[in-house]
PDB file of N, CA and C in Angstrom:
ATOM      1  N   MET A   1     -43.880  48.768  -3.099  1.00  0.00           N
ATOM      2  CA  MET A   1     -42.659  48.297  -2.471  1.00  0.00           C
ATOM      3  C   MET A   1     -42.912  47.984  -1.008  1.00  0.00           C
ATOM      4  N   LEU A   2     -42.281  46.945  -0.511  1.00  0.00           N
ATOM      5  CA  LEU A   2     -42.446  46.576   0.883  1.00  0.00           C
ATOM      6  C   LEU A   2     -41.288  47.028   1.759  1.00  0.00           C
ATOM      7  N   GLU A   3     -40.238  47.527   1.204  1.00  0.00           N
ATOM      8  CA  GLU A   3     -39.079  47.950   1.995  1.00  0.00           C
ATOM      9  C   GLU A   3     -38.760  49.408   1.725  1.00  0.00           C
ATOM     10  N   GLY A   4     -38.143  50.040   2.708  1.00  0.00           N
ATOM     11  CA  GLY A   4     -37.703  51.420   2.526  1.00  0.00           C
ATOM     12  C   GLY A   4     -36.584  51.496   1.504  1.00  0.00           C
ATOM     13  N   GLN A   5     -36.198  52.665   1.103  1.00  0.00           N
ATOM     14  CA  GLN A   5     -35.146  52.936   0.131  1.00  0.00           C
ATOM     15  C   GLN A   5     -35.405  52.285  -1.223  1.00  0.00           C
ATOM     16  N   GLY A   6     -36.695  51.979  -1.546  1.00  0.00           N
ATOM     17  CA  GLY A   6     -37.031  51.492  -2.870  1.00  0.00           C
ATOM     18  C   GLY A   6     -36.630  50.062  -3.173  1.00  0.00           C
ATOM     19  N   GLN A   7     -36.209  49.288  -2.191  1.00  0.00           N
ATOM     20  CA  GLN A   7     -35.777  47.907  -2.410  1.00  0.00           C
ATOM     21  C   GLN A   7     -36.699  46.938  -1.676  1.00  0.00           C
ATOM     22  N   GLU A   8     -37.198  45.942  -2.376  1.00  0.00           N
ATOM     23  CA  GLU A   8     -37.943  44.865  -1.728  1.00  0.00           C
ATOM     24  C   GLU A   8     -36.963  43.786  -1.302  1.00  0.00           C
ATOM     25  N   ARG A   9     -37.272  43.134  -0.232  1.00  0.00           N
ATOM     26  CA  ARG A   9     -36.461  41.988   0.175  1.00  0.00           C
ATOM     27  C   ARG A   9     -36.642  40.866  -0.838  1.00  0.00           C
ATOM     28  N   LEU A  10     -35.632  40.016  -0.959  1.00  0.00           N
ATOM     29  CA  LEU A  10     -35.651  38.945  -1.947  1.00  0.00           C
ATOM     30  C   LEU A  10     -36.840  38.014  -1.744  1.00  0.00           C
ATOM     31  N   TYR A  11     -37.152  37.646  -0.497  1.00  0.00           N
ATOM     32  CA  TYR A  11     -38.262  36.716  -0.269  1.00  0.00           C
ATOM     33  C   TYR A  11     -39.589  37.343  -0.687  1.00  0.00           C
ATOM     34  N   VAL A  12     -39.729  38.655  -0.593  1.00  0.00           N
ATOM     35  CA  VAL A  12     -40.959  39.316  -1.034  1.00  0.00           C
ATOM     36  C   VAL A  12     -41.066  39.234  -2.558  1.00  0.00           C
ATOM     37  N   ARG A  13     -39.969  39.441  -3.257  1.00  0.00           N
ATOM     38  CA  ARG A  13     -39.972  39.312  -4.718  1.00  0.00           C
ATOM     39  C   ARG A  13     -40.311  37.883  -5.119  1.00  0.00           C
ATOM     40  N   HIS A  14     -39.778  36.896  -4.396  1.00  0.00           N
ATOM     41  CA  HIS A  14     -40.100  35.498  -4.691  1.00  0.00           C
ATOM     42  C   HIS A  14     -41.582  35.225  -4.473  1.00  0.00           C
ATOM     43  N   LEU A  15     -42.156  35.778  -3.391  1.00  0.00           N
ATOM     44  CA  LEU A  15     -43.571  35.560  -3.110  1.00  0.00           C
ATOM     45  C   LEU A  15     -44.479  36.251  -4.125  1.00  0.00           C
ATOM     46  N   ARG A  16     -44.002  37.295  -4.753  1.00  0.00           N
ATOM     47  CA  ARG A  16     -44.807  37.935  -5.809  1.00  0.00           C
ATOM     48  C   ARG A  16     -44.872  37.032  -7.045  1.00  0.00           C
ATOM     49  N   VAL A  17     -43.804  36.268  -7.310  1.00  0.00           N
ATOM     50  CA  VAL A  17     -43.780  35.340  -8.442  1.00  0.00           C
ATOM     51  C   VAL A  17     -44.587  34.081  -8.112  1.00  0.00           C
ATOM     52  N   ASN A  18     -44.385  33.537  -6.918  1.00  0.00           N
ATOM     53  CA  ASN A  18     -45.103  32.338  -6.469  1.00  0.00           C
ATOM     54  C   ASN A  18     -45.578  32.603  -5.043  1.00  0.00           C
ATOM     55  N   PRO A  19     -46.834  32.963  -4.853  1.00  0.00           N
ATOM     56  CA  PRO A  19     -47.321  33.360  -3.531  1.00  0.00           C
ATOM     57  C   PRO A  19     -47.586  32.206  -2.564  1.00  0.00           C
ATOM     58  N   GLN A  20     -47.285  30.968  -2.966  1.00  0.00           N
ATOM     59  CA  GLN A  20     -47.511  29.834  -2.080  1.00  0.00           C
ATOM     60  C   GLN A  20     -46.372  29.724  -1.065  1.00  0.00           C
ATOM     61  N   ALA A  21     -46.730  29.473   0.202  1.00  0.00           N
ATOM     62  CA  ALA A  21     -45.717  29.366   1.250  1.00  0.00           C
ATOM     63  C   ALA A  21     -46.133  28.315   2.262  1.00  0.00           C
ATOM     64  N   ALA A  22     -45.156  27.833   3.013  1.00  0.00           N
ATOM     65  CA  ALA A  22     -45.394  26.894   4.104  1.00  0.00           C
ATOM     66  C   ALA A  22     -44.606  27.370   5.311  1.00  0.00           C
ATOM     67  N   LEU A  23     -45.203  27.192   6.476  1.00  0.00           N
ATOM     68  CA  LEU A  23     -44.583  27.593   7.733  1.00  0.00           C
ATOM     69  C   LEU A  23     -44.710  26.426   8.704  1.00  0.00           C
ATOM     70  N   VAL A  24     -43.596  26.035   9.311  1.00  0.00           N
ATOM     71  CA  VAL A  24     -43.599  24.978  10.320  1.00  0.00           C
ATOM     72  C   VAL A  24     -43.062  25.558  11.611  1.00  0.00           C
ATOM     73  N   VAL A  25     -43.799  25.325  12.697  1.00  0.00           N
ATOM     74  CA  VAL A  25     -43.361  25.730  14.027  1.00  0.00           C
ATOM     75  C   VAL A  25     -43.400  24.479  14.892  1.00  0.00           C
ATOM     76  N   ASP A  26     -42.269  24.157  15.523  1.00  0.00           N
ATOM     77  CA  ASP A  26     -42.254  23.001  16.415  1.00  0.00           C
ATOM     78  C   ASP A  26     -41.399  23.287  17.641  1.00  0.00           C
ATOM     79  N   ASP A  27     -41.435  22.373  18.581  1.00  0.00           N
ATOM     80  CA  ASP A  27     -40.732  22.532  19.845  1.00  0.00           C
ATOM     81  C   ASP A  27     -40.251  21.163  20.286  1.00  0.00           C
ATOM     82  N   VAL A  28     -39.148  21.106  21.004  1.00  0.00           N
ATOM     83  CA  VAL A  28     -38.630  19.848  21.536  1.00  0.00           C
ATOM     84  C   VAL A  28     -38.631  19.952  23.058  1.00  0.00           C
ATOM     85  N   PRO A  29     -39.769  19.649  23.697  1.00  0.00           N
ATOM     86  CA  PRO A  29     -39.834  19.772  25.149  1.00  0.00           C
ATOM     87  C   PRO A  29     -39.071  18.670  25.882  1.00  0.00           C
ATOM     88  N   ASP A  30     -38.852  17.535  25.207  1.00  0.00           N
ATOM     89  CA  ASP A  30     -38.173  16.414  25.854  1.00  0.00           C
ATOM     90  C   ASP A  30     -37.231  15.761  24.853  1.00  0.00           C
ATOM     91  N   GLU A  31     -35.944  16.032  24.985  1.00  0.00           N
ATOM     92  CA  GLU A  31     -34.970  15.481  24.037  1.00  0.00           C
ATOM     93  C   GLU A  31     -34.821  13.968  24.162  1.00  0.00           C
ATOM     94  N   GLN A  32     -35.232  13.382  25.280  1.00  0.00           N
ATOM     95  CA  GLN A  32     -35.119  11.935  25.460  1.00  0.00           C
ATOM     96  C   GLN A  32     -36.058  11.173  24.520  1.00  0.00           C
ATOM     97  N   THR A  33     -37.290  11.623  24.403  1.00  0.00           N
ATOM     98  CA  THR A  33     -38.259  10.915  23.558  1.00  0.00           C
ATOM     99  C   THR A  33     -38.295  11.451  22.139  1.00  0.00           C
ATOM    100  N   TRP A  34     -37.835  12.659  21.933  1.00  0.00           N
ATOM    101  CA  TRP A  34     -37.793  13.313  20.624  1.00  0.00           C
ATOM    102  C   TRP A  34     -39.134  13.189  19.879  1.00  0.00           C
ATOM    103  N   GLN A  35     -40.169  13.687  20.530  1.00  0.00           N
ATOM    104  CA  GLN A  35     -41.492  13.740  19.914  1.00  0.00           C
ATOM    105  C   GLN A  35     -41.970  15.191  19.954  1.00  0.00           C
ATOM    106  N   PRO A  36     -41.415  16.022  19.082  1.00  0.00           N
ATOM    107  CA  PRO A  36     -41.755  17.444  19.141  1.00  0.00           C
ATOM    108  C   PRO A  36     -43.181  17.725  18.658  1.00  0.00           C
ATOM    109  N   PRO A  37     -43.964  18.473  19.440  1.00  0.00           N
ATOM    110  CA  PRO A  37     -45.255  18.935  18.932  1.00  0.00           C
ATOM    111  C   PRO A  37     -45.027  20.078  17.954  1.00  0.00           C
ATOM    112  N   GLY A  38     -45.957  20.265  17.057  1.00  0.00           N
ATOM    113  CA  GLY A  38     -45.791  21.355  16.098  1.00  0.00           C
ATOM    114  C   GLY A  38     -47.023  21.563  15.252  1.00  0.00           C
ATOM    115  N   ILE A  39     -46.874  22.451  14.283  1.00  0.00           N
ATOM    116  CA  ILE A  39     -47.965  22.761  13.364  1.00  0.00           C
ATOM    117  C   ILE A  39     -47.385  23.144  12.006  1.00  0.00           C
ATOM    118  N   LEU A  40     -48.026  22.675  10.953  1.00  0.00           N
ATOM    119  CA  LEU A  40     -47.675  23.020   9.577  1.00  0.00           C
ATOM    120  C   LEU A  40     -48.817  23.863   9.022  1.00  0.00           C
ATOM    121  N   ILE A  41     -48.480  25.005   8.441  1.00  0.00           N
ATOM    122  CA  ILE A  41     -49.470  25.877   7.812  1.00  0.00           C
ATOM    123  C   ILE A  41     -49.011  26.126   6.383  1.00  0.00           C
ATOM    124  N   LYS A  42     -49.873  25.798   5.426  1.00  0.00           N
ATOM    125  CA  LYS A  42     -49.607  26.068   4.006  1.00  0.00           C
ATOM    126  C   LYS A  42     -50.696  26.982   3.492  1.00  0.00           C
ATOM    127  N   GLY A  43     -50.318  27.910   2.601  1.00  0.00           N
ATOM    128  CA  GLY A  43     -51.326  28.789   2.043  1.00  0.00           C
ATOM    129  C   GLY A  43     -50.758  29.799   1.072  1.00  0.00           C
ATOM    130  N   THR A  44     -51.609  30.731   0.725  1.00  0.00           N
ATOM    131  CA  THR A  44     -51.268  31.801  -0.206  1.00  0.00           C
ATOM    132  C   THR A  44     -50.889  33.051   0.583  1.00  0.00           C
ATOM    133  N   THR A  45     -49.813  33.697   0.175  1.00  0.00           N
ATOM    134  CA  THR A  45     -49.342  34.897   0.874  1.00  0.00           C
ATOM    135  C   THR A  45     -49.923  36.159   0.244  1.00  0.00           C
ATOM    136  N   VAL A  46     -50.088  37.169   1.097  1.00  0.00           N
ATOM    137  CA  VAL A  46     -50.559  38.478   0.659  1.00  0.00           C
ATOM    138  C   VAL A  46     -49.637  39.522   1.299  1.00  0.00           C
ATOM    139  N   PRO A  47     -48.776  40.190   0.512  1.00  0.00           N
ATOM    140  CA  PRO A  47     -47.922  41.238   1.074  1.00  0.00           C
ATOM    141  C   PRO A  47     -48.771  42.425   1.540  1.00  0.00           C
ATOM    142  N   ARG A  48     -48.515  42.902   2.744  1.00  0.00           N
ATOM    143  CA  ARG A  48     -49.229  44.051   3.311  1.00  0.00           C
ATOM    144  C   ARG A  48     -48.228  45.163   3.564  1.00  0.00           C
ATOM    145  N   THR A  49     -48.634  46.402   3.322  1.00  0.00           N
ATOM    146  CA  THR A  49     -47.724  47.537   3.464  1.00  0.00           C
ATOM    147  C   THR A  49     -48.065  48.436   4.638  1.00  0.00           C
ATOM    148  N   GLU A  50     -49.024  48.036   5.452  1.00  0.00           N
ATOM    149  CA  GLU A  50     -49.334  48.821   6.649  1.00  0.00           C
ATOM    150  C   GLU A  50     -49.892  47.910   7.733  1.00  0.00           C
ATOM    151  N   GLY A  51     -49.729  48.339   8.970  1.00  0.00           N
ATOM    152  CA  GLY A  51     -50.285  47.611  10.097  1.00  0.00           C
ATOM    153  C   GLY A  51     -49.295  46.776  10.885  1.00  0.00           C
ATOM    154  N   GLY A  52     -48.111  46.566  10.364  1.00  0.00           N
ATOM    155  CA  GLY A  52     -47.128  45.740  11.056  1.00  0.00           C
ATOM    156  C   GLY A  52     -46.632  46.315  12.370  1.00  0.00           C
ATOM    157  N   GLU A  53     -46.778  47.619  12.558  1.00  0.00           N
ATOM    158  CA  GLU A  53     -46.292  48.268  13.780  1.00  0.00           C
ATOM    159  C   GLU A  53     -47.016  47.755  15.028  1.00  0.00           C
ATOM    160  N   VAL A  54     -48.232  47.236  14.864  1.00  0.00           N
ATOM    161  CA  VAL A  54     -48.981  46.766  16.034  1.00  0.00           C
ATOM    162  C   VAL A  54     -48.373  45.508  16.639  1.00  0.00           C
ATOM    163  N   LEU A  55     -47.427  44.867  15.941  1.00  0.00           N
ATOM    164  CA  LEU A  55     -46.767  43.680  16.474  1.00  0.00           C
ATOM    165  C   LEU A  55     -45.865  44.006  17.660  1.00  0.00           C
ATOM    166  N   GLY A  56     -45.363  45.222  17.720  1.00  0.00           N
ATOM    167  CA  GLY A  56     -44.526  45.613  18.849  1.00  0.00           C
ATOM    168  C   GLY A  56     -43.438  46.576  18.434  1.00  0.00           C
ATOM    169  N   PRO A  57     -42.652  47.027  19.427  1.00  0.00           N
ATOM    170  CA  PRO A  57     -41.568  47.972  19.154  1.00  0.00           C
ATOM    171  C   PRO A  57     -40.559  47.395  18.162  1.00  0.00           C
ATOM    172  N   GLY A  58     -40.125  48.216  17.239  1.00  0.00           N
ATOM    173  CA  GLY A  58     -39.112  47.795  16.270  1.00  0.00           C
ATOM    174  C   GLY A  58     -39.679  47.199  14.993  1.00  0.00           C
ATOM    175  N   PHE A  59     -40.977  46.923  14.954  1.00  0.00           N
ATOM    176  CA  PHE A  59     -41.577  46.384  13.737  1.00  0.00           C
ATOM    177  C   PHE A  59     -42.003  47.526  12.832  1.00  0.00           C
ATOM    178  N   GLY A  60     -41.774  47.352  11.536  1.00  0.00           N
ATOM    179  CA  GLY A  60     -42.188  48.352  10.559  1.00  0.00           C
ATOM    180  C   GLY A  60     -43.600  48.068  10.077  1.00  0.00           C
ATOM    181  N   PRO A  61     -44.065  48.838   9.120  1.00  0.00           N
ATOM    182  CA  PRO A  61     -45.438  48.693   8.649  1.00  0.00           C
ATOM    183  C   PRO A  61     -45.671  47.462   7.762  1.00  0.00           C
ATOM    184  N   ASN A  62     -44.621  46.896   7.178  1.00  0.00           N
ATOM    185  CA  ASN A  62     -44.757  45.804   6.209  1.00  0.00           C
ATOM    186  C   ASN A  62     -44.834  44.444   6.882  1.00  0.00           C
ATOM    187  N   TRP A  63     -45.696  43.583   6.355  1.00  0.00           N
ATOM    188  CA  TRP A  63     -45.804  42.222   6.852  1.00  0.00           C
ATOM    189  C   TRP A  63     -46.402  41.339   5.767  1.00  0.00           C
ATOM    190  N   ILE A  64     -46.295  40.028   5.945  1.00  0.00           N
ATOM    191  CA  ILE A  64     -46.815  39.069   4.983  1.00  0.00           C
ATOM    192  C   ILE A  64     -47.939  38.287   5.650  1.00  0.00           C
ATOM    193  N   GLU A  65     -49.119  38.327   5.083  1.00  0.00           N
ATOM    194  CA  GLU A  65     -50.258  37.548   5.571  1.00  0.00           C
ATOM    195  C   GLU A  65     -50.239  36.197   4.864  1.00  0.00           C
ATOM    196  N   VAL A  66     -50.493  35.117   5.607  1.00  0.00           N
ATOM    197  CA  VAL A  66     -50.639  33.796   5.010  1.00  0.00           C
ATOM    198  C   VAL A  66     -52.100  33.386   5.174  1.00  0.00           C
ATOM    199  N   VAL A  67     -52.787  33.217   4.046  1.00  0.00           N
ATOM    200  CA  VAL A  67     -54.174  32.758   4.053  1.00  0.00           C
ATOM    201  C   VAL A  67     -54.111  31.229   3.945  1.00  0.00           C
ATOM    202  N   PRO A  68     -54.374  30.525   5.065  1.00  0.00           N
ATOM    203  CA  PRO A  68     -54.137  29.077   5.078  1.00  0.00           C
ATOM    204  C   PRO A  68     -55.160  28.290   4.261  1.00  0.00           C
ATOM    205  N   ASN A  69     -54.654  27.269   3.562  1.00  0.00           N
ATOM    206  CA  ASN A  69     -55.539  26.293   2.944  1.00  0.00           C
ATOM    207  C   ASN A  69     -55.261  24.894   3.493  1.00  0.00           C
ATOM    208  N   LEU A  70     -54.228  24.775   4.350  1.00  0.00           N
ATOM    209  CA  LEU A  70     -53.933  23.527   5.052  1.00  0.00           C
ATOM    210  C   LEU A  70     -53.321  23.882   6.400  1.00  0.00           C
ATOM    211  N   VAL A  71     -53.873  23.320   7.452  1.00  0.00           N
ATOM    212  CA  VAL A  71     -53.305  23.463   8.798  1.00  0.00           C
ATOM    213  C   VAL A  71     -53.249  22.064   9.379  1.00  0.00           C
ATOM    214  N   ARG A  72     -52.034  21.591   9.706  1.00  0.00           N
ATOM    215  CA  ARG A  72     -51.871  20.227  10.189  1.00  0.00           C
ATOM    216  C   ARG A  72     -51.018  20.234  11.465  1.00  0.00           C
ATOM    217  N   PRO A  73     -51.654  20.131  12.627  1.00  0.00           N
ATOM    218  CA  PRO A  73     -50.903  20.042  13.880  1.00  0.00           C
ATOM    219  C   PRO A  73     -50.527  18.591  14.185  1.00  0.00           C
ATOM    220  N   TRP A  74     -49.490  18.410  15.016  1.00  0.00           N
ATOM    221  CA  TRP A  74     -49.143  17.077  15.519  1.00  0.00           C
ATOM    222  C   TRP A  74     -48.609  17.211  16.932  1.00  0.00           C
ATOM    223  N   GLY A  75     -48.981  16.293  17.750  1.00  0.00           N
ATOM    224  CA  GLY A  75     -48.487  16.245  19.122  1.00  0.00           C
ATOM    225  C   GLY A  75     -48.962  17.350  20.019  1.00  0.00           C
ATOM    226  N   ILE A  76     -49.885  18.170  19.581  1.00  0.00           N
ATOM    227  CA  ILE A  76     -50.347  19.303  20.376  1.00  0.00           C
ATOM    228  C   ILE A  76     -51.336  18.864  21.443  1.00  0.00           C
ATOM    229  N   ASP A  77     -52.096  17.807  21.175  1.00  0.00           N
ATOM    230  CA  ASP A  77     -53.090  17.324  22.129  1.00  0.00           C
ATOM    231  C   ASP A  77     -52.482  16.536  23.280  1.00  0.00           C
ATOM    232  N   SER A  78     -51.177  16.218  23.199  1.00  0.00           N
ATOM    233  CA  SER A  78     -50.553  15.447  24.273  1.00  0.00           C
ATOM    234  C   SER A  78     -50.388  16.314  25.516  1.00  0.00           C
ATOM    235  N   PRO A  79     -50.372  15.688  26.703  1.00  0.00           N
ATOM    236  CA  PRO A  79     -50.245  16.473  27.960  1.00  0.00           C
ATOM    237  C   PRO A  79     -48.905  17.201  28.036  1.00  0.00           C
ATOM    238  N   ALA A  80     -48.928  18.355  28.676  1.00  0.00           N
ATOM    239  CA  ALA A  80     -47.702  19.151  28.860  1.00  0.00           C
ATOM    240  C   ALA A  80     -46.750  18.414  29.781  1.00  0.00           C
ATOM    241  N   LEU A  81     -45.456  18.573  29.513  1.00  0.00           N
ATOM    242  CA  LEU A  81     -44.438  17.910  30.346  1.00  0.00           C
ATOM    243  C   LEU A  81     -44.068  18.760  31.528  1.00  0.00           C
TER     244      LEU A  81
END
């Protein structure tokens, strides 16, 4: 189990059935041009039950590792505004 009180979160149960996931992180530094830099990461997830506390105060031991098989950045090489 990844959660206390014997209950897993719904997304963890979904990842046990289909461990494939995608994560997109982007930013809009200039709303005038609307060319947000970002990164797409796709891969297989691995639920972990210890070690999450090292992320900082308030984090529990559980976390989800994403083992990437695709990493696609865009607009990251452009100069900072």
